Amino acid sequence: MLARLTNWKTVIVLVVLILPFNAFIFPTRSAKLRELAGKNVPPIDSMFAYTPAQVYDLISNYGERGRQHHTLTELTADLVYPILYSLLLSLLVMLIFRRAFADASFMQKLWRLPIVAALTDYGENATVVTLLLRYPQKLTGVAWAASLFTTAKWVLVGVSFILIVVGLVALLIR
């Protein structure tokens, strides 16, 4: 199915769908969270890594309404966004790598990496929502898992962008 979507037209559609998230939805979420908390607090999933103590300090600072707001955005916008960005990154890797590397090359399989990033994002969402809903109960294992998912997400997304650059460099060399 993904092979049928692998074209520049689909890439453009995905970019257009992603733009509102990056330009409006997530900045608005962050601003609302700061407003509800009454202080400069980031959304949990925007951090690279954290300890259970750090995440619980943050969750405490959100206040009840901030926790509700964060939970709502995790269960709405942040359920759609991973699908969009992982498809975009996967399609870009596929489109570029088709021309940059041999068909039988291991490189042709790396389009799957952004999909794994989305799966880690969903793991992050599930654990963060659990932490937010169960507060003030402290679930240390879940907090560590959330941090692991968050870090893995950012690393995999970063590596996906690096793959795109590698593919473009390979195309230039070719």
N, C-alpha and C. Protein backbone atom coordinates (compact mmCIF):
# COMPACT_ATOMS: atom_id res chain seq x y z
N MET A 1 0.81 -1.19 0.00
CA MET A 1 0.00 0.00 0.00
C MET A 1 0.86 1.26 0.00
N LEU A 2 1.93 1.24 0.78
CA LEU A 2 2.79 2.41 0.86
C LEU A 2 3.46 2.69 -0.48
N ALA A 3 3.74 1.64 -1.24
CA ALA A 3 4.38 1.83 -2.54
C ALA A 3 3.49 2.67 -3.47
N ARG A 4 2.17 2.50 -3.36
CA ARG A 4 1.25 3.28 -4.20
C ARG A 4 1.25 4.76 -3.82
N LEU A 5 1.55 5.03 -2.56
CA LEU A 5 1.57 6.42 -2.08
C LEU A 5 2.91 7.11 -2.30
N THR A 6 3.89 6.34 -2.74
CA THR A 6 5.25 6.87 -2.84
C THR A 6 5.41 7.72 -4.10
N ASN A 7 5.03 8.98 -3.96
CA ASN A 7 5.19 9.93 -5.04
C ASN A 7 5.27 11.33 -4.43
N TRP A 8 5.71 12.28 -5.23
CA TRP A 8 5.90 13.64 -4.72
C TRP A 8 4.58 14.33 -4.41
N LYS A 9 3.51 13.94 -5.08
CA LYS A 9 2.20 14.52 -4.81
C LYS A 9 1.77 14.18 -3.37
N THR A 10 1.95 12.94 -2.96
CA THR A 10 1.61 12.52 -1.60
C THR A 10 2.49 13.24 -0.59
N VAL A 11 3.76 13.42 -0.91
CA VAL A 11 4.68 14.14 -0.02
C VAL A 11 4.16 15.57 0.21
N ILE A 12 3.74 16.22 -0.85
CA ILE A 12 3.23 17.59 -0.74
C ILE A 12 1.96 17.62 0.11
N VAL A 13 1.06 16.67 -0.09
CA VAL A 13 -0.17 16.60 0.71
C VAL A 13 0.19 16.42 2.19
N LEU A 14 1.14 15.54 2.48
CA LEU A 14 1.54 15.32 3.87
C LEU A 14 2.17 16.57 4.49
N VAL A 15 2.97 17.27 3.73
CA VAL A 15 3.57 18.53 4.23
C VAL A 15 2.46 19.52 4.57
N VAL A 16 1.47 19.63 3.69
CA VAL A 16 0.36 20.55 3.93
C VAL A 16 -0.43 20.13 5.18
N LEU A 17 -0.60 18.83 5.39
CA LEU A 17 -1.32 18.35 6.57
C LEU A 17 -0.52 18.55 7.86
N ILE A 18 0.80 18.47 7.77
CA ILE A 18 1.66 18.61 8.94
C ILE A 18 1.83 20.08 9.36
N LEU A 19 1.82 20.98 8.40
CA LEU A 19 2.05 22.40 8.70
C LEU A 19 1.17 22.96 9.83
N PRO A 20 -0.14 22.69 9.84
CA PRO A 20 -0.95 23.24 10.95
C PRO A 20 -0.52 22.73 12.33
N PHE A 21 -0.03 21.51 12.39
CA PHE A 21 0.44 20.97 13.67
C PHE A 21 1.64 21.77 14.17
N ASN A 22 2.60 21.99 13.27
CA ASN A 22 3.83 22.68 13.66
C ASN A 22 3.65 24.19 13.80
N ALA A 23 2.76 24.76 13.01
CA ALA A 23 2.59 26.22 13.02
C ALA A 23 1.54 26.69 14.03
N PHE A 24 0.56 25.84 14.33
CA PHE A 24 -0.53 26.30 15.18
C PHE A 24 -0.86 25.35 16.34
N ILE A 25 -1.15 24.11 16.04
CA ILE A 25 -1.68 23.19 17.07
C ILE A 25 -0.71 23.00 18.23
N PHE A 26 0.53 22.61 17.95
CA PHE A 26 1.47 22.36 19.04
C PHE A 26 1.94 23.64 19.73
N PRO A 27 2.21 24.73 19.00
CA PRO A 27 2.53 25.97 19.72
C PRO A 27 1.37 26.46 20.61
N THR A 28 0.15 26.30 20.14
CA THR A 28 -1.01 26.69 20.94
C THR A 28 -1.13 25.80 22.17
N ARG A 29 -0.88 24.50 21.99
CA ARG A 29 -0.91 23.57 23.12
C ARG A 29 0.10 23.99 24.18
N SER A 30 1.31 24.31 23.75
CA SER A 30 2.36 24.72 24.70
C SER A 30 1.99 26.01 25.41
N ALA A 31 1.47 26.98 24.67
CA ALA A 31 1.08 28.26 25.26
C ALA A 31 -0.06 28.07 26.26
N LYS A 32 -1.02 27.25 25.92
CA LYS A 32 -2.15 26.98 26.82
C LYS A 32 -1.67 26.27 28.08
N LEU A 33 -0.74 25.35 27.93
CA LEU A 33 -0.19 24.63 29.08
C LEU A 33 0.53 25.61 30.02
N ARG A 34 1.31 26.52 29.44
CA ARG A 34 2.00 27.54 30.25
C ARG A 34 0.98 28.44 30.95
N GLU A 35 -0.06 28.82 30.23
CA GLU A 35 -1.09 29.68 30.82
C GLU A 35 -1.79 28.97 31.98
N LEU A 36 -2.18 27.73 31.78
CA LEU A 36 -2.88 26.98 32.84
C LEU A 36 -1.98 26.73 34.04
N ALA A 37 -0.70 26.49 33.79
CA ALA A 37 0.24 26.23 34.88
C ALA A 37 0.67 27.53 35.58
N GLY A 38 0.58 28.63 34.86
CA GLY A 38 1.03 29.90 35.42
C GLY A 38 2.54 30.02 35.46
N LYS A 39 3.22 29.19 34.70
CA LYS A 39 4.68 29.23 34.62
C LYS A 39 5.14 28.58 33.32
N ASN A 40 6.40 28.76 33.02
CA ASN A 40 6.97 28.25 31.77
C ASN A 40 7.28 26.76 31.92
N VAL A 41 6.34 25.92 31.51
CA VAL A 41 6.50 24.47 31.58
C VAL A 41 6.32 23.88 30.18
N PRO A 42 7.22 23.00 29.77
CA PRO A 42 7.07 22.38 28.45
C PRO A 42 6.16 21.16 28.50
N PRO A 43 5.58 20.77 27.38
CA PRO A 43 4.91 19.47 27.32
C PRO A 43 5.95 18.38 27.51
N ILE A 44 5.57 17.31 28.14
CA ILE A 44 6.50 16.22 28.44
C ILE A 44 7.16 15.71 27.17
N ASP A 45 6.38 15.52 26.12
CA ASP A 45 6.91 14.90 24.91
C ASP A 45 7.81 15.81 24.08
N SER A 46 7.98 17.06 24.53
CA SER A 46 8.92 17.94 23.82
C SER A 46 10.33 17.86 24.41
N MET A 47 10.45 17.18 25.54
CA MET A 47 11.77 17.02 26.17
C MET A 47 12.48 15.84 25.51
N PHE A 48 13.81 15.78 25.67
CA PHE A 48 14.56 14.68 25.08
C PHE A 48 14.62 13.47 26.01
N ALA A 49 14.76 13.73 27.30
CA ALA A 49 14.82 12.67 28.30
C ALA A 49 14.50 13.29 29.65
N TYR A 50 14.13 12.46 30.60
CA TYR A 50 13.79 12.96 31.93
C TYR A 50 13.79 11.79 32.91
N THR A 51 13.98 12.14 34.17
CA THR A 51 13.90 11.14 35.24
C THR A 51 12.47 11.15 35.77
N PRO A 52 12.09 10.11 36.52
CA PRO A 52 10.76 10.14 37.14
C PRO A 52 10.57 11.38 38.03
N ALA A 53 11.59 11.77 38.77
CA ALA A 53 11.46 12.96 39.62
C ALA A 53 11.19 14.21 38.78
N GLN A 54 11.90 14.35 37.66
CA GLN A 54 11.71 15.51 36.79
C GLN A 54 10.31 15.53 36.18
N VAL A 55 9.84 14.38 35.72
CA VAL A 55 8.53 14.35 35.07
C VAL A 55 7.42 14.58 36.09
N TYR A 56 7.57 14.06 37.29
CA TYR A 56 6.55 14.31 38.30
C TYR A 56 6.56 15.74 38.80
N ASP A 57 7.71 16.37 38.84
CA ASP A 57 7.79 17.79 39.18
C ASP A 57 7.05 18.60 38.11
N LEU A 58 7.27 18.24 36.86
CA LEU A 58 6.60 18.91 35.75
C LEU A 58 5.09 18.71 35.82
N ILE A 59 4.66 17.47 36.02
CA ILE A 59 3.23 17.16 36.09
C ILE A 59 2.58 17.91 37.25
N SER A 60 3.27 17.99 38.36
CA SER A 60 2.76 18.75 39.51
C SER A 60 2.60 20.22 39.15
N ASN A 61 3.57 20.77 38.45
CA ASN A 61 3.53 22.18 38.06
C ASN A 61 2.42 22.49 37.06
N TYR A 62 1.97 21.50 36.31
CA TYR A 62 0.88 21.73 35.35
C TYR A 62 -0.40 22.15 36.06
N GLY A 63 -0.63 21.63 37.24
CA GLY A 63 -1.91 21.84 37.90
C GLY A 63 -2.97 20.94 37.29
N GLU A 64 -4.11 20.88 37.92
CA GLU A 64 -5.18 19.98 37.46
C GLU A 64 -5.64 20.29 36.03
N ARG A 65 -5.89 21.55 35.76
CA ARG A 65 -6.37 21.92 34.42
C ARG A 65 -5.28 21.71 33.36
N GLY A 66 -4.03 21.97 33.71
CA GLY A 66 -2.93 21.72 32.78
C GLY A 66 -2.79 20.24 32.46
N ARG A 67 -2.94 19.41 33.49
CA ARG A 67 -2.87 17.96 33.26
C ARG A 67 -4.01 17.50 32.35
N GLN A 68 -5.20 18.05 32.57
CA GLN A 68 -6.34 17.71 31.71
C GLN A 68 -6.08 18.14 30.27
N HIS A 69 -5.55 19.33 30.11
CA HIS A 69 -5.25 19.85 28.77
C HIS A 69 -4.19 18.99 28.07
N HIS A 70 -3.14 18.66 28.80
CA HIS A 70 -2.06 17.85 28.22
C HIS A 70 -2.60 16.48 27.83
N THR A 71 -3.42 15.89 28.68
CA THR A 71 -4.02 14.58 28.38
C THR A 71 -4.87 14.66 27.12
N LEU A 72 -5.69 15.69 27.02
CA LEU A 72 -6.56 15.85 25.85
C LEU A 72 -5.74 15.95 24.56
N THR A 73 -4.67 16.74 24.58
CA THR A 73 -3.88 16.88 23.35
C THR A 73 -3.13 15.59 23.02
N GLU A 74 -2.73 14.84 24.04
CA GLU A 74 -2.07 13.55 23.79
C GLU A 74 -3.04 12.57 23.12
N LEU A 75 -4.32 12.67 23.50
CA LEU A 75 -5.33 11.72 22.99
C LEU A 75 -6.03 12.21 21.72
N THR A 76 -5.63 13.37 21.22
CA THR A 76 -6.24 13.88 19.98
C THR A 76 -5.14 14.18 18.96
N ALA A 77 -4.60 15.37 19.02
CA ALA A 77 -3.60 15.80 18.02
C ALA A 77 -2.40 14.86 17.97
N ASP A 78 -1.96 14.40 19.13
CA ASP A 78 -0.75 13.56 19.15
C ASP A 78 -1.04 12.10 18.81
N LEU A 79 -2.27 11.79 18.45
CA LEU A 79 -2.56 10.47 17.87
C LEU A 79 -2.47 10.54 16.35
N VAL A 80 -2.78 11.71 15.80
CA VAL A 80 -2.75 11.89 14.34
C VAL A 80 -1.34 12.21 13.85
N TYR A 81 -0.65 13.07 14.56
CA TYR A 81 0.66 13.58 14.12
C TYR A 81 1.70 12.49 13.81
N PRO A 82 1.86 11.46 14.65
CA PRO A 82 2.86 10.43 14.32
C PRO A 82 2.59 9.72 12.99
N ILE A 83 1.34 9.54 12.66
CA ILE A 83 1.01 8.92 11.37
C ILE A 83 1.50 9.81 10.24
N LEU A 84 1.22 11.09 10.36
CA LEU A 84 1.58 12.03 9.30
C LEU A 84 3.10 12.16 9.14
N TYR A 85 3.83 12.41 10.24
CA TYR A 85 5.27 12.61 10.08
C TYR A 85 5.98 11.33 9.70
N SER A 86 5.52 10.19 10.21
CA SER A 86 6.21 8.94 9.85
C SER A 86 5.97 8.59 8.38
N LEU A 87 4.77 8.84 7.89
CA LEU A 87 4.51 8.62 6.46
C LEU A 87 5.36 9.56 5.61
N LEU A 88 5.40 10.82 5.99
CA LEU A 88 6.20 11.79 5.23
C LEU A 88 7.68 11.37 5.19
N LEU A 89 8.24 11.09 6.34
CA LEU A 89 9.66 10.70 6.38
C LEU A 89 9.91 9.39 5.64
N SER A 90 9.02 8.42 5.81
CA SER A 90 9.17 7.14 5.10
C SER A 90 9.12 7.32 3.59
N LEU A 91 8.16 8.11 3.14
CA LEU A 91 8.03 8.34 1.69
C LEU A 91 9.24 9.09 1.14
N LEU A 92 9.74 10.07 1.89
CA LEU A 92 10.94 10.78 1.44
C LEU A 92 12.13 9.85 1.34
N VAL A 93 12.30 9.01 2.34
CA VAL A 93 13.41 8.04 2.29
C VAL A 93 13.22 7.12 1.09
N MET A 94 12.03 6.61 0.88
CA MET A 94 11.78 5.72 -0.27
C MET A 94 12.07 6.41 -1.60
N LEU A 95 11.52 7.61 -1.77
CA LEU A 95 11.69 8.33 -3.03
C LEU A 95 13.16 8.62 -3.32
N ILE A 96 13.87 9.07 -2.33
CA ILE A 96 15.28 9.42 -2.53
C ILE A 96 16.14 8.18 -2.68
N PHE A 97 15.91 7.18 -1.84
CA PHE A 97 16.75 5.98 -1.87
C PHE A 97 16.54 5.14 -3.12
N ARG A 98 15.35 5.22 -3.73
CA ARG A 98 15.12 4.49 -4.99
C ARG A 98 16.13 4.91 -6.05
N ARG A 99 16.44 6.20 -6.05
CA ARG A 99 17.37 6.72 -7.06
C ARG A 99 18.82 6.68 -6.59
N ALA A 100 19.02 6.69 -5.29
CA ALA A 100 20.37 6.83 -4.75
C ALA A 100 21.08 5.50 -4.55
N PHE A 101 20.32 4.43 -4.32
CA PHE A 101 20.94 3.14 -3.98
C PHE A 101 20.34 2.01 -4.80
N ALA A 102 21.10 0.95 -4.95
CA ALA A 102 20.66 -0.22 -5.72
C ALA A 102 19.40 -0.82 -5.11
N ASP A 103 18.58 -1.44 -5.98
CA ASP A 103 17.31 -2.02 -5.54
C ASP A 103 17.47 -3.05 -4.43
N ALA A 104 18.46 -3.90 -4.51
CA ALA A 104 18.65 -4.97 -3.53
C ALA A 104 19.42 -4.52 -2.30
N SER A 105 19.79 -3.26 -2.25
CA SER A 105 20.58 -2.73 -1.15
C SER A 105 19.82 -2.73 0.18
N PHE A 106 20.56 -2.93 1.25
CA PHE A 106 19.99 -2.83 2.59
C PHE A 106 19.38 -1.45 2.81
N MET A 107 19.95 -0.46 2.18
CA MET A 107 19.47 0.92 2.32
C MET A 107 18.00 1.05 1.93
N GLN A 108 17.54 0.23 0.99
CA GLN A 108 16.15 0.29 0.55
C GLN A 108 15.17 -0.09 1.66
N LYS A 109 15.64 -0.75 2.70
CA LYS A 109 14.77 -1.16 3.80
C LYS A 109 14.67 -0.12 4.91
N LEU A 110 15.48 0.91 4.84
CA LEU A 110 15.53 1.89 5.92
C LEU A 110 14.32 2.82 5.98
N TRP A 111 13.43 2.76 4.99
CA TRP A 111 12.21 3.55 5.03
C TRP A 111 11.34 3.17 6.23
N ARG A 112 11.61 2.01 6.80
CA ARG A 112 10.82 1.53 7.95
C ARG A 112 11.16 2.28 9.24
N LEU A 113 12.31 2.88 9.30
CA LEU A 113 12.76 3.56 10.52
C LEU A 113 11.78 4.63 11.01
N PRO A 114 11.25 5.50 10.14
CA PRO A 114 10.27 6.47 10.64
C PRO A 114 8.99 5.82 11.18
N ILE A 115 8.64 4.66 10.67
CA ILE A 115 7.47 3.93 11.18
C ILE A 115 7.75 3.48 12.62
N VAL A 116 8.98 3.02 12.86
CA VAL A 116 9.37 2.64 14.23
C VAL A 116 9.34 3.88 15.13
N ALA A 117 9.74 5.03 14.59
CA ALA A 117 9.67 6.28 15.37
C ALA A 117 8.22 6.56 15.79
N ALA A 118 7.28 6.36 14.89
CA ALA A 118 5.87 6.59 15.22
C ALA A 118 5.41 5.61 16.30
N LEU A 119 5.86 4.37 16.22
CA LEU A 119 5.48 3.39 17.25
C LEU A 119 6.02 3.79 18.61
N THR A 120 7.25 4.31 18.64
CA THR A 120 7.79 4.77 19.93
C THR A 120 7.02 6.00 20.41
N ASP A 121 6.57 6.84 19.48
CA ASP A 121 5.76 8.00 19.83
C ASP A 121 4.45 7.55 20.49
N TYR A 122 3.84 6.50 19.95
CA TYR A 122 2.62 5.98 20.55
C TYR A 122 2.88 5.37 21.92
N GLY A 123 4.04 4.72 22.08
CA GLY A 123 4.42 4.22 23.40
C GLY A 123 4.58 5.37 24.38
N GLU A 124 5.20 6.44 23.90
CA GLU A 124 5.36 7.65 24.71
C GLU A 124 3.99 8.21 25.10
N ASN A 125 3.09 8.34 24.13
CA ASN A 125 1.75 8.88 24.40
C ASN A 125 1.03 8.06 25.46
N ALA A 126 1.08 6.74 25.32
CA ALA A 126 0.38 5.87 26.27
C ALA A 126 0.94 6.02 27.68
N THR A 127 2.26 6.07 27.79
CA THR A 127 2.86 6.18 29.12
C THR A 127 2.65 7.57 29.71
N VAL A 128 2.75 8.60 28.90
CA VAL A 128 2.53 9.97 29.40
C VAL A 128 1.08 10.14 29.85
N VAL A 129 0.14 9.64 29.09
CA VAL A 129 -1.27 9.73 29.49
C VAL A 129 -1.50 8.97 30.80
N THR A 130 -0.88 7.83 30.93
CA THR A 130 -0.98 7.07 32.18
C THR A 130 -0.46 7.89 33.36
N LEU A 131 0.69 8.51 33.18
CA LEU A 131 1.26 9.34 34.26
C LEU A 131 0.34 10.50 34.60
N LEU A 132 -0.22 11.15 33.58
CA LEU A 132 -1.09 12.30 33.80
C LEU A 132 -2.40 11.90 34.50
N LEU A 133 -2.98 10.78 34.07
CA LEU A 133 -4.26 10.36 34.63
C LEU A 133 -4.13 9.77 36.03
N ARG A 134 -3.01 9.16 36.31
CA ARG A 134 -2.83 8.51 37.61
C ARG A 134 -2.22 9.42 38.67
N TYR A 135 -1.83 10.63 38.27
CA TYR A 135 -1.26 11.58 39.22
C TYR A 135 -2.27 11.84 40.33
N PRO A 136 -1.89 11.88 41.58
CA PRO A 136 -0.56 12.00 42.16
C PRO A 136 0.14 10.67 42.44
N GLN A 137 -0.49 9.56 42.03
CA GLN A 137 0.18 8.27 42.21
C GLN A 137 1.47 8.28 41.40
N LYS A 138 2.55 7.80 41.99
CA LYS A 138 3.85 7.80 41.31
C LYS A 138 4.12 6.40 40.76
N LEU A 139 4.20 6.33 39.46
CA LEU A 139 4.48 5.09 38.75
C LEU A 139 5.88 5.19 38.16
N THR A 140 6.87 4.87 38.97
CA THR A 140 8.27 5.08 38.58
C THR A 140 8.63 4.30 37.32
N GLY A 141 8.20 3.06 37.23
CA GLY A 141 8.51 2.25 36.04
C GLY A 141 7.90 2.83 34.78
N VAL A 142 6.68 3.32 34.90
CA VAL A 142 6.01 3.94 33.74
C VAL A 142 6.72 5.24 33.36
N ALA A 143 7.18 5.99 34.37
CA ALA A 143 7.91 7.23 34.09
C ALA A 143 9.22 6.94 33.36
N TRP A 144 9.94 5.90 33.78
CA TRP A 144 11.17 5.54 33.08
C TRP A 144 10.86 5.08 31.66
N ALA A 145 9.78 4.30 31.49
CA ALA A 145 9.38 3.85 30.15
C ALA A 145 9.02 5.04 29.27
N ALA A 146 8.31 6.02 29.83
CA ALA A 146 7.95 7.22 29.07
C ALA A 146 9.21 7.93 28.58
N SER A 147 10.18 8.08 29.46
CA SER A 147 11.43 8.74 29.07
C SER A 147 12.15 7.95 27.98
N LEU A 148 12.17 6.65 28.12
CA LEU A 148 12.81 5.80 27.10
C LEU A 148 12.11 5.95 25.75
N PHE A 149 10.79 5.92 25.76
CA PHE A 149 10.04 6.11 24.51
C PHE A 149 10.30 7.49 23.92
N THR A 150 10.32 8.52 24.77
CA THR A 150 10.57 9.88 24.30
C THR A 150 11.94 9.99 23.65
N THR A 151 12.95 9.49 24.32
CA THR A 151 14.31 9.56 23.77
C THR A 151 14.41 8.76 22.47
N ALA A 152 13.84 7.56 22.46
CA ALA A 152 13.88 6.74 21.25
C ALA A 152 13.19 7.44 20.09
N LYS A 153 12.06 8.08 20.37
CA LYS A 153 11.33 8.82 19.32
C LYS A 153 12.23 9.88 18.71
N TRP A 154 12.84 10.72 19.57
CA TRP A 154 13.67 11.81 19.05
C TRP A 154 14.89 11.29 18.31
N VAL A 155 15.50 10.23 18.80
CA VAL A 155 16.66 9.66 18.12
C VAL A 155 16.25 9.12 16.75
N LEU A 156 15.16 8.37 16.70
CA LEU A 156 14.72 7.79 15.43
C LEU A 156 14.28 8.85 14.42
N VAL A 157 13.62 9.88 14.90
CA VAL A 157 13.24 10.98 13.99
C VAL A 157 14.50 11.67 13.48
N GLY A 158 15.46 11.91 14.36
CA GLY A 158 16.73 12.52 13.95
C GLY A 158 17.47 11.68 12.94
N VAL A 159 17.53 10.38 13.18
CA VAL A 159 18.21 9.48 12.25
C VAL A 159 17.46 9.45 10.91
N SER A 160 16.15 9.56 10.94
CA SER A 160 15.37 9.60 9.69
C SER A 160 15.75 10.82 8.86
N PHE A 161 15.92 11.96 9.51
CA PHE A 161 16.36 13.16 8.78
C PHE A 161 17.79 12.98 8.26
N ILE A 162 18.63 12.36 9.04
CA ILE A 162 20.01 12.08 8.59
C ILE A 162 19.98 11.17 7.37
N LEU A 163 19.10 10.17 7.37
CA LEU A 163 18.98 9.28 6.20
C LEU A 163 18.60 10.06 4.95
N ILE A 164 17.70 11.00 5.09
CA ILE A 164 17.30 11.82 3.94
C ILE A 164 18.51 12.59 3.41
N VAL A 165 19.29 13.18 4.29
CA VAL A 165 20.49 13.91 3.88
C VAL A 165 21.49 12.96 3.22
N VAL A 166 21.70 11.78 3.81
CA VAL A 166 22.60 10.78 3.23
C VAL A 166 22.14 10.41 1.82
N GLY A 167 20.84 10.21 1.67
CA GLY A 167 20.29 9.88 0.36
C GLY A 167 20.52 10.99 -0.65
N LEU A 168 20.31 12.23 -0.24
CA LEU A 168 20.52 13.36 -1.13
C LEU A 168 22.00 13.49 -1.52
N VAL A 169 22.89 13.27 -0.57
CA VAL A 169 24.33 13.32 -0.86
C VAL A 169 24.68 12.19 -1.85
N ALA A 170 24.13 11.01 -1.61
CA ALA A 170 24.39 9.88 -2.52
C ALA A 170 23.89 10.19 -3.92
N LEU A 171 22.75 10.86 -4.01
CA LEU A 171 22.22 11.26 -5.33
C LEU A 171 23.16 12.25 -6.02
N LEU A 172 23.69 13.20 -5.27
CA LEU A 172 24.62 14.18 -5.83
C LEU A 172 25.90 13.52 -6.33
N ILE A 173 26.38 12.56 -5.55
CA ILE A 173 27.61 11.85 -5.94
C ILE A 173 27.37 11.00 -7.17
N ARG A 174 26.22 10.42 -7.25
CA ARG A 174 25.86 9.57 -8.39
C ARG A 174 25.79 10.40 -9.64
